[in-house]
Amino acid sequence: GSLRLSCAASGSIFGRKVMGWYRQAPGRQRELVATIGSSGSTN
């Protein structure tokens, strides 16, 4: 199946912003899922 997650930021955030998603399963450390830079580059 599929899901679409959204994250809305509010308040003052200054400077160039890298936005991303991380996840944490029970008993495991938080891990990177994906990031996107200010220029649109993704990882």
PDB file of all heavy atoms in Angstrom:
ATOM      1  N   GLY A   1       0.800  -1.207   0.000  1.00  0.00           N
ATOM      2  CA  GLY A   1       0.000   0.000   0.000  1.00  0.00           C
ATOM      3  C   GLY A   1       0.836   1.262   0.000  1.00  0.00           C
ATOM      4  O   GLY A   1       2.067   1.221  -0.015  1.00  0.00           O
ATOM      5  N   SER A   2       0.146   2.403   0.040  1.00  0.00           N
ATOM      6  CA  SER A   2       0.802   3.700  -0.026  1.00  0.00           C
ATOM      7  C   SER A   2       0.276   4.639   1.052  1.00  0.00           C
ATOM      8  O   SER A   2      -0.874   4.540   1.480  1.00  0.00           O
ATOM      9  CB  SER A   2       0.583   4.354  -1.394  1.00  0.00           C
ATOM     10  OG  SER A   2       1.151   3.597  -2.439  1.00  0.00           O
ATOM     11  N   LEU A   3       1.130   5.549   1.476  1.00  0.00           N
ATOM     12  CA  LEU A   3       0.769   6.629   2.377  1.00  0.00           C
ATOM     13  C   LEU A   3       1.540   7.876   1.965  1.00  0.00           C
ATOM     14  O   LEU A   3       2.631   7.777   1.400  1.00  0.00           O
ATOM     15  CB  LEU A   3       1.108   6.301   3.831  1.00  0.00           C
ATOM     16  CG  LEU A   3       0.226   5.320   4.589  1.00  0.00           C
ATOM     17  CD1 LEU A   3       0.841   5.017   5.947  1.00  0.00           C
ATOM     18  CD2 LEU A   3      -1.182   5.874   4.768  1.00  0.00           C
ATOM     19  N   ARG A   4       0.967   9.032   2.261  1.00  0.00           N
ATOM     20  CA  ARG A   4       1.651  10.294   2.030  1.00  0.00           C
ATOM     21  C   ARG A   4       1.704  11.078   3.333  1.00  0.00           C
ATOM     22  O   ARG A   4       0.662  11.438   3.884  1.00  0.00           O
ATOM     23  CB  ARG A   4       0.951  11.124   0.961  1.00  0.00           C
ATOM     24  CG  ARG A   4       1.773  12.330   0.502  1.00  0.00           C
ATOM     25  CD  ARG A   4       0.981  13.223  -0.418  1.00  0.00           C
ATOM     26  NE  ARG A   4       1.821  14.196  -1.099  1.00  0.00           N
ATOM     27  CZ  ARG A   4       1.462  15.447  -1.370  1.00  0.00           C
ATOM     28  NH1 ARG A   4       0.254  15.877  -1.034  1.00  0.00           N
ATOM     29  NH2 ARG A   4       2.294  16.256  -2.005  1.00  0.00           N
ATOM     30  N   LEU A   5       2.903  11.324   3.820  1.00  0.00           N
ATOM     31  CA  LEU A   5       3.104  12.087   5.033  1.00  0.00           C
ATOM     32  C   LEU A   5       3.335  13.555   4.703  1.00  0.00           C
ATOM     33  O   LEU A   5       3.974  13.883   3.707  1.00  0.00           O
ATOM     34  CB  LEU A   5       4.305  11.558   5.820  1.00  0.00           C
ATOM     35  CG  LEU A   5       4.307  10.069   6.182  1.00  0.00           C
ATOM     36  CD1 LEU A   5       5.540   9.749   7.019  1.00  0.00           C
ATOM     37  CD2 LEU A   5       3.034   9.682   6.910  1.00  0.00           C
ATOM     38  N   SER A   6       2.818  14.426   5.558  1.00  0.00           N
ATOM     39  CA  SER A   6       3.024  15.856   5.420  1.00  0.00           C
ATOM     40  C   SER A   6       3.579  16.411   6.721  1.00  0.00           C
ATOM     41  O   SER A   6       3.264  15.922   7.799  1.00  0.00           O
ATOM     42  CB  SER A   6       1.715  16.579   5.081  1.00  0.00           C
ATOM     43  OG  SER A   6       1.178  16.137   3.859  1.00  0.00           O
ATOM     44  N   CYS A   7       4.390  17.443   6.607  1.00  0.00           N
ATOM     45  CA  CYS A   7       4.931  18.122   7.776  1.00  0.00           C
ATOM     46  C   CYS A   7       4.924  19.611   7.499  1.00  0.00           C
ATOM     47  O   CYS A   7       5.620  20.076   6.592  1.00  0.00           O
ATOM     48  CB  CYS A   7       6.346  17.637   8.082  1.00  0.00           C
ATOM     49  SG  CYS A   7       7.179  18.566   9.390  1.00  0.00           S
ATOM     50  N   ALA A   8       4.147  20.344   8.275  1.00  0.00           N
ATOM     51  CA  ALA A   8       4.048  21.786   8.134  1.00  0.00           C
ATOM     52  C   ALA A   8       4.828  22.474   9.240  1.00  0.00           C
ATOM     53  O   ALA A   8       4.623  22.179  10.420  1.00  0.00           O
ATOM     54  CB  ALA A   8       2.588  22.221   8.163  1.00  0.00           C
ATOM     55  N   ALA A   9       5.701  23.374   8.853  1.00  0.00           N
ATOM     56  CA  ALA A   9       6.519  24.119   9.801  1.00  0.00           C
ATOM     57  C   ALA A   9       5.936  25.500  10.019  1.00  0.00           C
ATOM     58  O   ALA A   9       5.525  26.173   9.072  1.00  0.00           O
ATOM     59  CB  ALA A   9       7.958  24.224   9.309  1.00  0.00           C
ATOM     60  N   SER A  10       5.906  25.931  11.269  1.00  0.00           N
ATOM     61  CA  SER A  10       5.454  27.274  11.602  1.00  0.00           C
ATOM     62  C   SER A  10       6.460  27.932  12.536  1.00  0.00           C
ATOM     63  O   SER A  10       7.277  27.259  13.169  1.00  0.00           O
ATOM     64  CB  SER A  10       4.067  27.249  12.238  1.00  0.00           C
ATOM     65  OG  SER A  10       4.081  26.530  13.468  1.00  0.00           O
ATOM     66  N   GLY A  11       6.386  29.248  12.636  1.00  0.00           N
ATOM     67  CA  GLY A  11       7.349  29.995  13.418  1.00  0.00           C
ATOM     68  C   GLY A  11       8.497  30.470  12.542  1.00  0.00           C
ATOM     69  O   GLY A  11       8.556  30.190  11.349  1.00  0.00           O
ATOM     70  N   SER A  12       9.415  31.179  13.142  1.00  0.00           N
ATOM     71  CA  SER A  12      10.534  31.766  12.411  1.00  0.00           C
ATOM     72  C   SER A  12      11.706  30.795  12.366  1.00  0.00           C
ATOM     73  O   SER A  12      12.263  30.427  13.403  1.00  0.00           O
ATOM     74  CB  SER A  12      10.966  33.071  13.075  1.00  0.00           C
ATOM     75  OG  SER A  12       9.923  34.037  13.027  1.00  0.00           O
ATOM     76  N   ILE A  13      12.066  30.401  11.162  1.00  0.00           N
ATOM     77  CA  ILE A  13      13.227  29.555  10.928  1.00  0.00           C
ATOM     78  C   ILE A  13      14.116  30.283   9.927  1.00  0.00           C
ATOM     79  O   ILE A  13      13.751  30.431   8.761  1.00  0.00           O
ATOM     80  CB  ILE A  13      12.845  28.168  10.401  1.00  0.00           C
ATOM     81  CG1 ILE A  13      11.827  27.495  11.322  1.00  0.00           C
ATOM     82  CG2 ILE A  13      14.084  27.304  10.245  1.00  0.00           C
ATOM     83  CD1 ILE A  13      11.343  26.153  10.824  1.00  0.00           C
ATOM     84  N   PHE A  14      15.262  30.725  10.384  1.00  0.00           N
ATOM     85  CA  PHE A  14      16.139  31.538   9.557  1.00  0.00           C
ATOM     86  C   PHE A  14      17.271  30.712   8.965  1.00  0.00           C
ATOM     87  O   PHE A  14      17.743  29.745   9.563  1.00  0.00           O
ATOM     88  CB  PHE A  14      16.715  32.701  10.381  1.00  0.00           C
ATOM     89  CG  PHE A  14      15.673  33.625  10.935  1.00  0.00           C
ATOM     90  CD1 PHE A  14      15.265  33.527  12.252  1.00  0.00           C
ATOM     91  CD2 PHE A  14      15.099  34.596  10.137  1.00  0.00           C
ATOM     92  CE1 PHE A  14      14.304  34.375  12.771  1.00  0.00           C
ATOM     93  CE2 PHE A  14      14.133  35.456  10.635  1.00  0.00           C
ATOM     94  CZ  PHE A  14      13.739  35.341  11.955  1.00  0.00           C
ATOM     95  N   GLY A  15      17.713  31.131   7.800  1.00  0.00           N
ATOM     96  CA  GLY A  15      18.805  30.460   7.119  1.00  0.00           C
ATOM     97  C   GLY A  15      18.315  29.458   6.096  1.00  0.00           C
ATOM     98  O   GLY A  15      17.111  29.231   5.934  1.00  0.00           O
ATOM     99  N   ARG A  16      19.262  28.852   5.392  1.00  0.00           N
ATOM    100  CA  ARG A  16      18.918  27.816   4.433  1.00  0.00           C
ATOM    101  C   ARG A  16      18.450  26.571   5.176  1.00  0.00           C
ATOM    102  O   ARG A  16      19.031  26.191   6.185  1.00  0.00           O
ATOM    103  CB  ARG A  16      20.116  27.492   3.541  1.00  0.00           C
ATOM    104  CG  ARG A  16      20.532  28.643   2.655  1.00  0.00           C
ATOM    105  CD  ARG A  16      21.582  28.221   1.641  1.00  0.00           C
ATOM    106  NE  ARG A  16      22.814  27.801   2.289  1.00  0.00           N
ATOM    107  CZ  ARG A  16      23.385  26.620   2.097  1.00  0.00           C
ATOM    108  NH1 ARG A  16      22.833  25.744   1.264  1.00  0.00           N
ATOM    109  NH2 ARG A  16      24.508  26.317   2.711  1.00  0.00           N
ATOM    110  N   LYS A  17      17.404  25.958   4.669  1.00  0.00           N
ATOM    111  CA  LYS A  17      16.770  24.849   5.369  1.00  0.00           C
ATOM    112  C   LYS A  17      16.876  23.544   4.603  1.00  0.00           C
ATOM    113  O   LYS A  17      16.551  23.471   3.417  1.00  0.00           O
ATOM    114  CB  LYS A  17      15.291  25.177   5.619  1.00  0.00           C
ATOM    115  CG  LYS A  17      15.080  26.368   6.543  1.00  0.00           C
ATOM    116  CD  LYS A  17      13.607  26.704   6.685  1.00  0.00           C
ATOM    117  CE  LYS A  17      13.110  27.460   5.464  1.00  0.00           C
ATOM    118  NZ  LYS A  17      13.698  28.812   5.358  1.00  0.00           N
ATOM    119  N   VAL A  18      17.348  22.539   5.299  1.00  0.00           N
ATOM    120  CA  VAL A  18      17.299  21.174   4.810  1.00  0.00           C
ATOM    121  C   VAL A  18      16.160  20.475   5.549  1.00  0.00           C
ATOM    122  O   VAL A  18      16.128  20.473   6.784  1.00  0.00           O
ATOM    123  CB  VAL A  18      18.624  20.428   5.041  1.00  0.00           C
ATOM    124  CG1 VAL A  18      18.506  18.982   4.579  1.00  0.00           C
ATOM    125  CG2 VAL A  18      19.759  21.134   4.315  1.00  0.00           C
ATOM    126  N   MET A  19      15.246  19.887   4.820  1.00  0.00           N
ATOM    127  CA  MET A  19      14.089  19.236   5.412  1.00  0.00           C
ATOM    128  C   MET A  19      14.185  17.738   5.170  1.00  0.00           C
ATOM    129  O   MET A  19      14.687  17.300   4.134  1.00  0.00           O
ATOM    130  CB  MET A  19      12.792  19.794   4.822  1.00  0.00           C
ATOM    131  CG  MET A  19      12.727  21.316   4.838  1.00  0.00           C
ATOM    132  SD  MET A  19      11.174  22.010   4.202  1.00  0.00           S
ATOM    133  CE  MET A  19      10.123  21.835   5.654  1.00  0.00           C
ATOM    134  N   GLY A  20      13.703  16.968   6.133  1.00  0.00           N
ATOM    135  CA  GLY A  20      13.834  15.536   5.974  1.00  0.00           C
ATOM    136  C   GLY A  20      12.891  14.734   6.837  1.00  0.00           C
ATOM    137  O   GLY A  20      12.137  15.273   7.651  1.00  0.00           O
ATOM    138  N   TRP A  21      12.954  13.433   6.610  1.00  0.00           N
ATOM    139  CA  TRP A  21      12.186  12.467   7.380  1.00  0.00           C
ATOM    140  C   TRP A  21      13.117  11.419   7.963  1.00  0.00           C
ATOM    141  O   TRP A  21      14.027  10.928   7.276  1.00  0.00           O
ATOM    142  CB  TRP A  21      11.127  11.782   6.508  1.00  0.00           C
ATOM    143  CG  TRP A  21      10.029  12.694   6.079  1.00  0.00           C
ATOM    144  CD1 TRP A  21       9.952  13.419   4.932  1.00  0.00           C
ATOM    145  CD2 TRP A  21       8.832  12.983   6.808  1.00  0.00           C
ATOM    146  NE1 TRP A  21       8.783  14.141   4.890  1.00  0.00           N
ATOM    147  CE2 TRP A  21       8.078  13.891   6.032  1.00  0.00           C
ATOM    148  CE3 TRP A  21       8.323  12.560   8.037  1.00  0.00           C
ATOM    149  CZ2 TRP A  21       6.841  14.382   6.447  1.00  0.00           C
ATOM    150  CZ3 TRP A  21       7.095  13.053   8.448  1.00  0.00           C
ATOM    151  CH2 TRP A  21       6.369  13.950   7.666  1.00  0.00           C
ATOM    152  N   TYR A  22      12.887  11.088   9.215  1.00  0.00           N
ATOM    153  CA  TYR A  22      13.596  10.032   9.909  1.00  0.00           C
ATOM    154  C   TYR A  22      12.568   9.075  10.495  1.00  0.00           C
ATOM    155  O   TYR A  22      11.389   9.411  10.604  1.00  0.00           O
ATOM    156  CB  TYR A  22      14.481  10.603  11.017  1.00  0.00           C
ATOM    157  CG  TYR A  22      15.607  11.483  10.514  1.00  0.00           C
ATOM    158  CD1 TYR A  22      15.356  12.752  10.006  1.00  0.00           C
ATOM    159  CD2 TYR A  22      16.926  11.041  10.544  1.00  0.00           C
ATOM    160  CE1 TYR A  22      16.377  13.551   9.533  1.00  0.00           C
ATOM    161  CE2 TYR A  22      17.960  11.838  10.079  1.00  0.00           C
ATOM    162  CZ  TYR A  22      17.683  13.089   9.581  1.00  0.00           C
ATOM    163  OH  TYR A  22      18.700  13.884   9.119  1.00  0.00           O
ATOM    164  N   ARG A  23      13.000   7.887  10.879  1.00  0.00           N
ATOM    165  CA  ARG A  23      12.073   6.942  11.476  1.00  0.00           C
ATOM    166  C   ARG A  23      12.771   6.144  12.563  1.00  0.00           C
ATOM    167  O   ARG A  23      13.989   5.984  12.555  1.00  0.00           O
ATOM    168  CB  ARG A  23      11.473   6.006  10.427  1.00  0.00           C
ATOM    169  CG  ARG A  23      12.464   5.041   9.785  1.00  0.00           C
ATOM    170  CD  ARG A  23      11.790   4.276   8.653  1.00  0.00           C
ATOM    171  NE  ARG A  23      12.688   3.314   8.037  1.00  0.00           N
ATOM    172  CZ  ARG A  23      12.402   2.611   6.956  1.00  0.00           C
ATOM    173  NH1 ARG A  23      11.220   2.759   6.365  1.00  0.00           N
ATOM    174  NH2 ARG A  23      13.280   1.744   6.458  1.00  0.00           N
ATOM    175  N   GLN A  24      11.967   5.643  13.485  1.00  0.00           N
ATOM    176  CA  GLN A  24      12.479   4.848  14.588  1.00  0.00           C
ATOM    177  C   GLN A  24      11.520   3.710  14.886  1.00  0.00           C
ATOM    178  O   GLN A  24      10.353   3.939  15.205  1.00  0.00           O
ATOM    179  CB  GLN A  24      12.681   5.706  15.836  1.00  0.00           C
ATOM    180  CG  GLN A  24      13.369   4.984  16.975  1.00  0.00           C
ATOM    181  CD  GLN A  24      13.795   5.928  18.082  1.00  0.00           C
ATOM    182  OE1 GLN A  24      13.293   7.037  18.198  1.00  0.00           O
ATOM    183  NE2 GLN A  24      14.739   5.486  18.891  1.00  0.00           N
ATOM    184  N   ALA A  25      12.018   2.495  14.767  1.00  0.00           N
ATOM    185  CA  ALA A  25      11.260   1.302  15.099  1.00  0.00           C
ATOM    186  C   ALA A  25      11.580   0.890  16.531  1.00  0.00           C
ATOM    187  O   ALA A  25      12.636   1.241  17.068  1.00  0.00           O
ATOM    188  CB  ALA A  25      11.591   0.173  14.127  1.00  0.00           C
ATOM    189  N   PRO A  26      10.694   0.122  17.186  1.00  0.00           N
ATOM    190  CA  PRO A  26      10.950  -0.302  18.563  1.00  0.00           C
ATOM    191  C   PRO A  26      12.280  -1.023  18.706  1.00  0.00           C
ATOM    192  O   PRO A  26      12.601  -1.925  17.929  1.00  0.00           O
ATOM    193  CB  PRO A  26       9.777  -1.238  18.862  1.00  0.00           C
ATOM    194  CG  PRO A  26       8.682  -0.763  17.960  1.00  0.00           C
ATOM    195  CD  PRO A  26       9.378  -0.333  16.700  1.00  0.00           C
ATOM    196  N   GLY A  27      13.056  -0.618  19.698  1.00  0.00           N
ATOM    197  CA  GLY A  27      14.333  -1.245  19.966  1.00  0.00           C
ATOM    198  C   GLY A  27      15.447  -0.871  19.018  1.00  0.00           C
ATOM    199  O   GLY A  27      16.537  -1.455  19.103  1.00  0.00           O
ATOM    200  N   ARG A  28      15.217   0.071  18.135  1.00  0.00           N
ATOM    201  CA  ARG A  28      16.225   0.472  17.167  1.00  0.00           C
ATOM    202  C   ARG A  28      16.473   1.970  17.245  1.00  0.00           C
ATOM    203  O   ARG A  28      15.643   2.730  17.748  1.00  0.00           O
ATOM    204  CB  ARG A  28      15.793   0.096  15.742  1.00  0.00           C
ATOM    205  CG  ARG A  28      15.568  -1.395  15.550  1.00  0.00           C
ATOM    206  CD  ARG A  28      15.016  -1.703  14.184  1.00  0.00           C
ATOM    207  NE  ARG A  28      15.929  -1.329  13.118  1.00  0.00           N
ATOM    208  CZ  ARG A  28      15.671  -1.495  11.816  1.00  0.00           C
ATOM    209  NH1 ARG A  28      14.514  -2.024  11.448  1.00  0.00           N
ATOM    210  NH2 ARG A  28      16.555  -1.128  10.910  1.00  0.00           N
ATOM    211  N   GLN A  29      17.625   2.396  16.763  1.00  0.00           N
ATOM    212  CA  GLN A  29      17.959   3.809  16.745  1.00  0.00           C
ATOM    213  C   GLN A  29      17.227   4.522  15.619  1.00  0.00           C
ATOM    214  O   GLN A  29      16.840   3.912  14.620  1.00  0.00           O
ATOM    215  CB  GLN A  29      19.464   4.004  16.582  1.00  0.00           C
ATOM    216  CG  GLN A  29      20.286   3.543  17.773  1.00  0.00           C
ATOM    217  CD  GLN A  29      21.751   3.884  17.620  1.00  0.00           C
ATOM    218  OE1 GLN A  29      22.251   4.062  16.507  1.00  0.00           O
ATOM    219  NE2 GLN A  29      22.440   3.979  18.739  1.00  0.00           N
ATOM    220  N   ARG A  30      17.047   5.813  15.804  1.00  0.00           N
ATOM    221  CA  ARG A  30      16.440   6.617  14.763  1.00  0.00           C
ATOM    222  C   ARG A  30      17.357   6.648  13.538  1.00  0.00           C
ATOM    223  O   ARG A  30      18.570   6.830  13.656  1.00  0.00           O
ATOM    224  CB  ARG A  30      16.179   8.032  15.276  1.00  0.00           C
ATOM    225  CG  ARG A  30      15.378   8.907  14.333  1.00  0.00           C
ATOM    226  CD  ARG A  30      14.998  10.237  14.992  1.00  0.00           C
ATOM    227  NE  ARG A  30      14.197  10.044  16.190  1.00  0.00           N
ATOM    228  CZ  ARG A  30      13.666  11.025  16.897  1.00  0.00           C
ATOM    229  NH1 ARG A  30      13.844  12.289  16.522  1.00  0.00           N
ATOM    230  NH2 ARG A  30      12.961  10.755  17.989  1.00  0.00           N
ATOM    231  N   GLU A  31      16.772   6.476  12.362  1.00  0.00           N
ATOM    232  CA  GLU A  31      17.543   6.434  11.140  1.00  0.00           C
ATOM    233  C   GLU A  31      16.989   7.398  10.106  1.00  0.00           C
ATOM    234  O   GLU A  31      15.796   7.702  10.080  1.00  0.00           O
ATOM    235  CB  GLU A  31      17.565   5.018  10.553  1.00  0.00           C
ATOM    236  CG  GLU A  31      16.201   4.511  10.113  1.00  0.00           C
ATOM    237  CD  GLU A  31      16.256   3.161   9.423  1.00  0.00           C
ATOM    238  OE1 GLU A  31      17.362   2.710   9.067  1.00  0.00           O
ATOM    239  OE2 GLU A  31      15.181   2.542   9.237  1.00  0.00           O
ATOM    240  N   LEU A  32      17.862   7.849   9.249  1.00  0.00           N
ATOM    241  CA  LEU A  32      17.473   8.738   8.166  1.00  0.00           C
ATOM    242  C   LEU A  32      16.663   7.981   7.127  1.00  0.00           C
ATOM    243  O   LEU A  32      17.002   6.854   6.761  1.00  0.00           O
ATOM    244  CB  LEU A  32      18.717   9.356   7.521  1.00  0.00           C
ATOM    245  CG  LEU A  32      18.500  10.342   6.375  1.00  0.00           C
ATOM    246  CD1 LEU A  32      19.584  11.415   6.404  1.00  0.00           C
ATOM    247  CD2 LEU A  32      18.531   9.631   5.024  1.00  0.00           C
ATOM    248  N   VAL A  33      15.593   8.603   6.653  1.00  0.00           N
ATOM    249  CA  VAL A  33      14.802   8.068   5.555  1.00  0.00           C
ATOM    250  C   VAL A  33      15.111   8.834   4.274  1.00  0.00           C
ATOM    251  O   VAL A  33      15.477   8.249   3.256  1.00  0.00           O
ATOM    252  CB  VAL A  33      13.299   8.120   5.854  1.00  0.00           C
ATOM    253  CG1 VAL A  33      12.488   7.631   4.655  1.00  0.00           C
ATOM    254  CG2 VAL A  33      12.975   7.298   7.098  1.00  0.00           C
ATOM    255  N   ALA A  34      14.958  10.157   4.317  1.00  0.00           N
ATOM    256  CA  ALA A  34      15.207  10.987   3.146  1.00  0.00           C
ATOM    257  C   ALA A  34      15.369  12.430   3.571  1.00  0.00           C
ATOM    258  O   ALA A  34      14.802  12.860   4.575  1.00  0.00           O
ATOM    259  CB  ALA A  34      14.064  10.870   2.134  1.00  0.00           C
ATOM    260  N   THR A  35      16.146  13.185   2.809  1.00  0.00           N
ATOM    261  CA  THR A  35      16.290  14.619   3.021  1.00  0.00           C
ATOM    262  C   THR A  35      16.171  15.336   1.688  1.00  0.00           C
ATOM    263  O   THR A  35      16.411  14.757   0.626  1.00  0.00           O
ATOM    264  CB  THR A  35      17.636  14.996   3.671  1.00  0.00           C
ATOM    265  OG1 THR A  35      18.713  14.595   2.823  1.00  0.00           O
ATOM    266  CG2 THR A  35      17.779  14.336   5.034  1.00  0.00           C
ATOM    267  N   ILE A  36      15.822  16.612   1.771  1.00  0.00           N
ATOM    268  CA  ILE A  36      15.763  17.450   0.582  1.00  0.00           C
ATOM    269  C   ILE A  36      16.328  18.811   0.929  1.00  0.00           C
ATOM    270  O   ILE A  36      15.944  19.434   1.917  1.00  0.00           O
ATOM    271  CB  ILE A  36      14.323  17.540   0.023  1.00  0.00           C
ATOM    272  CG1 ILE A  36      14.288  18.373  -1.254  1.00  0.00           C
ATOM    273  CG2 ILE A  36      13.345  18.073   1.067  1.00  0.00           C
ATOM    274  CD1 ILE A  36      12.973  18.230  -2.027  1.00  0.00           C
ATOM    275  N   GLY A  37      17.266  19.288   0.129  1.00  0.00           N
ATOM    276  CA  GLY A  37      17.927  20.547   0.368  1.00  0.00           C
ATOM    277  C   GLY A  37      17.155  21.725  -0.178  1.00  0.00           C
ATOM    278  O   GLY A  37      16.127  21.581  -0.840  1.00  0.00           O
ATOM    279  N   SER A  38      17.674  22.915   0.095  1.00  0.00           N
ATOM    280  CA  SER A  38      17.009  24.131  -0.355  1.00  0.00           C
ATOM    281  C   SER A  38      16.964  24.241  -1.870  1.00  0.00           C
ATOM    282  O   SER A  38      16.068  24.893  -2.417  1.00  0.00           O
ATOM    283  CB  SER A  38      17.698  25.361   0.245  1.00  0.00           C
ATOM    284  OG  SER A  38      19.063  25.417  -0.132  1.00  0.00           O
ATOM    285  N   SER A  39      17.916  23.629  -2.552  1.00  0.00           N
ATOM    286  CA  SER A  39      17.953  23.645  -4.010  1.00  0.00           C
ATOM    287  C   SER A  39      17.142  22.519  -4.635  1.00  0.00           C
ATOM    288  O   SER A  39      17.039  22.439  -5.865  1.00  0.00           O
ATOM    289  CB  SER A  39      19.393  23.565  -4.505  1.00  0.00           C
ATOM    290  OG  SER A  39      19.979  22.328  -4.169  1.00  0.00           O
ATOM    291  N   GLY A  40      16.582  21.646  -3.808  1.00  0.00           N
ATOM    292  CA  GLY A  40      15.805  20.536  -4.307  1.00  0.00           C
ATOM    293  C   GLY A  40      16.556  19.227  -4.410  1.00  0.00           C
ATOM    294  O   GLY A  40      15.971  18.217  -4.822  1.00  0.00           O
ATOM    295  N   SER A  41      17.828  19.215  -4.060  1.00  0.00           N
ATOM    296  CA  SER A  41      18.593  17.975  -4.085  1.00  0.00           C
ATOM    297  C   SER A  41      18.072  17.020  -3.024  1.00  0.00           C
ATOM    298  O   SER A  41      17.703  17.439  -1.927  1.00  0.00           O
ATOM    299  CB  SER A  41      20.078  18.254  -3.881  1.00  0.00           C
ATOM    300  OG  SER A  41      20.301  18.867  -2.620  1.00  0.00           O
ATOM    301  N   THR A  42      18.057  15.735  -3.335  1.00  0.00           N
ATOM    302  CA  THR A  42      17.486  14.737  -2.436  1.00  0.00           C
ATOM    303  C   THR A  42      18.495  13.664  -2.088  1.00  0.00           C
ATOM    304  O   THR A  42      19.448  13.405  -2.825  1.00  0.00           O
ATOM    305  CB  THR A  42      16.247  14.080  -3.059  1.00  0.00           C
ATOM    306  OG1 THR A  42      16.601  13.490  -4.320  1.00  0.00           O
ATOM    307  CG2 THR A  42      15.151  15.109  -3.289  1.00  0.00           C
ATOM    308  N   ASN A  43      18.258  13.030  -0.954  1.00  0.00           N
ATOM    309  CA  ASN A  43      19.079  11.926  -0.491  1.00  0.00           C
ATOM    310  C   ASN A  43      18.162  10.909   0.168  1.00  0.00           C
ATOM    311  O   ASN A  43      17.298  11.278   0.967  1.00  0.00           O
ATOM    312  CB  ASN A  43      20.142  12.413   0.492  1.00  0.00           C
ATOM    313  CG  ASN A  43      21.068  11.309   0.934  1.00  0.00           C
ATOM    314  OD1 ASN A  43      21.745  10.695   0.128  1.00  0.00           O
ATOM    315  ND2 ASN A  43      21.098  11.051   2.239  1.00  0.00           N
TER     316      ASN A  43
END
